[in-house]
Amino acid sequence: MSDKKCLGKGETPKAPKPEHKYQCARCGATAKKESRLCKPKHLKVTHHQG
């Protein structure tokens, strides 16, 4: 039994990708990637840029 050889080609254990953290466009708090806003109220203010 040679378990060491199994890890040679393509069998390398992949490390879990860290969750990408986005900041809320308004308050800078940590928000989800999809919304990018921590509060629903902030959604109405997003188009108010510039």
C-alpha atoms as a PDB file:
ATOM      1  CA  MET A   1       0.000   0.000   0.000  1.00  0.00           C
ATOM      2  CA  SER A   2       1.564   3.272  -1.111  1.00  0.00           C
ATOM      3  CA  ASP A   3      -0.754   6.103  -0.128  1.00  0.00           C
ATOM      4  CA  LYS A   4       1.946   8.685  -0.782  1.00  0.00           C
ATOM      5  CA  LYS A   5       1.874   8.017  -4.529  1.00  0.00           C
ATOM      6  CA  CYS A   6      -1.874   8.640  -4.644  1.00  0.00           C
ATOM      7  CA  LEU A   7      -1.285  12.265  -3.751  1.00  0.00           C
ATOM      8  CA  GLY A   8       1.079  12.711  -6.676  1.00  0.00           C
ATOM      9  CA  LYS A   9      -1.049  13.284  -9.773  1.00  0.00           C
ATOM     10  CA  GLY A  10      -4.288  15.228  -9.595  1.00  0.00           C
ATOM     11  CA  GLU A  11      -5.165  13.721  -6.233  1.00  0.00           C
ATOM     12  CA  THR A  12      -3.884  16.674  -4.249  1.00  0.00           C
ATOM     13  CA  PRO A  13      -6.441  17.749  -1.643  1.00  0.00           C
ATOM     14  CA  LYS A  14      -7.900  21.116  -2.592  1.00  0.00           C
ATOM     15  CA  ALA A  15      -8.221  23.706   0.144  1.00  0.00           C
ATOM     16  CA  PRO A  16     -11.715  25.183   0.537  1.00  0.00           C
ATOM     17  CA  LYS A  17     -11.988  28.627  -1.051  1.00  0.00           C
ATOM     18  CA  PRO A  18     -12.477  31.408   1.488  1.00  0.00           C
ATOM     19  CA  GLU A  19     -15.770  33.261   1.110  1.00  0.00           C
ATOM     20  CA  HIS A  20     -15.342  36.569  -0.644  1.00  0.00           C
ATOM     21  CA  LYS A  21     -16.475  39.371   1.594  1.00  0.00           C
ATOM     22  CA  TYR A  22     -17.878  42.509   0.019  1.00  0.00           C
ATOM     23  CA  GLN A  23     -18.410  45.809   1.755  1.00  0.00           C
ATOM     24  CA  CYS A  24     -21.772  47.565   1.758  1.00  0.00           C
ATOM     25  CA  ALA A  25     -21.734  50.405  -0.767  1.00  0.00           C
ATOM     26  CA  ARG A  26     -23.293  52.742   1.779  1.00  0.00           C
ATOM     27  CA  CYS A  27     -22.104  51.969   5.306  1.00  0.00           C
ATOM     28  CA  GLY A  28     -19.076  49.784   4.528  1.00  0.00           C
ATOM     29  CA  ALA A  29     -20.342  46.856   6.579  1.00  0.00           C
ATOM     30  CA  THR A  30     -19.686  43.305   5.425  1.00  0.00           C
ATOM     31  CA  ALA A  31     -22.337  42.343   2.891  1.00  0.00           C
ATOM     32  CA  LYS A  32     -23.031  39.283   0.746  1.00  0.00           C
ATOM     33  CA  LYS A  33     -21.674  39.102  -2.810  1.00  0.00           C
ATOM     34  CA  GLU A  34     -25.144  39.037  -4.324  1.00  0.00           C
ATOM     35  CA  SER A  35     -26.565  42.084  -2.602  1.00  0.00           C
ATOM     36  CA  ARG A  36     -23.335  43.923  -1.752  1.00  0.00           C
ATOM     37  CA  LEU A  37     -25.546  45.800   0.687  1.00  0.00           C
ATOM     38  CA  CYS A  38     -26.134  44.879   4.305  1.00  0.00           C
ATOM     39  CA  LYS A  39     -29.583  46.466   4.576  1.00  0.00           C
ATOM     40  CA  PRO A  40     -32.527  46.384   2.122  1.00  0.00           C
ATOM     41  CA  LYS A  41     -33.021  50.111   2.717  1.00  0.00           C
ATOM     42  CA  HIS A  42     -29.648  50.775   1.119  1.00  0.00           C
ATOM     43  CA  LEU A  43     -30.818  49.207  -2.146  1.00  0.00           C
ATOM     44  CA  LYS A  44     -32.934  52.248  -2.926  1.00  0.00           C
ATOM     45  CA  VAL A  45     -29.964  54.549  -2.508  1.00  0.00           C
ATOM     46  CA  THR A  46     -27.541  52.684  -4.780  1.00  0.00           C
ATOM     47  CA  HIS A  47     -28.615  54.513  -7.944  1.00  0.00           C
ATOM     48  CA  HIS A  48     -27.963  57.785  -6.145  1.00  0.00           C
ATOM     49  CA  GLN A  49     -24.242  57.738  -6.920  1.00  0.00           C
ATOM     50  CA  GLY A  50     -22.467  60.792  -8.314  1.00  0.00           C
END
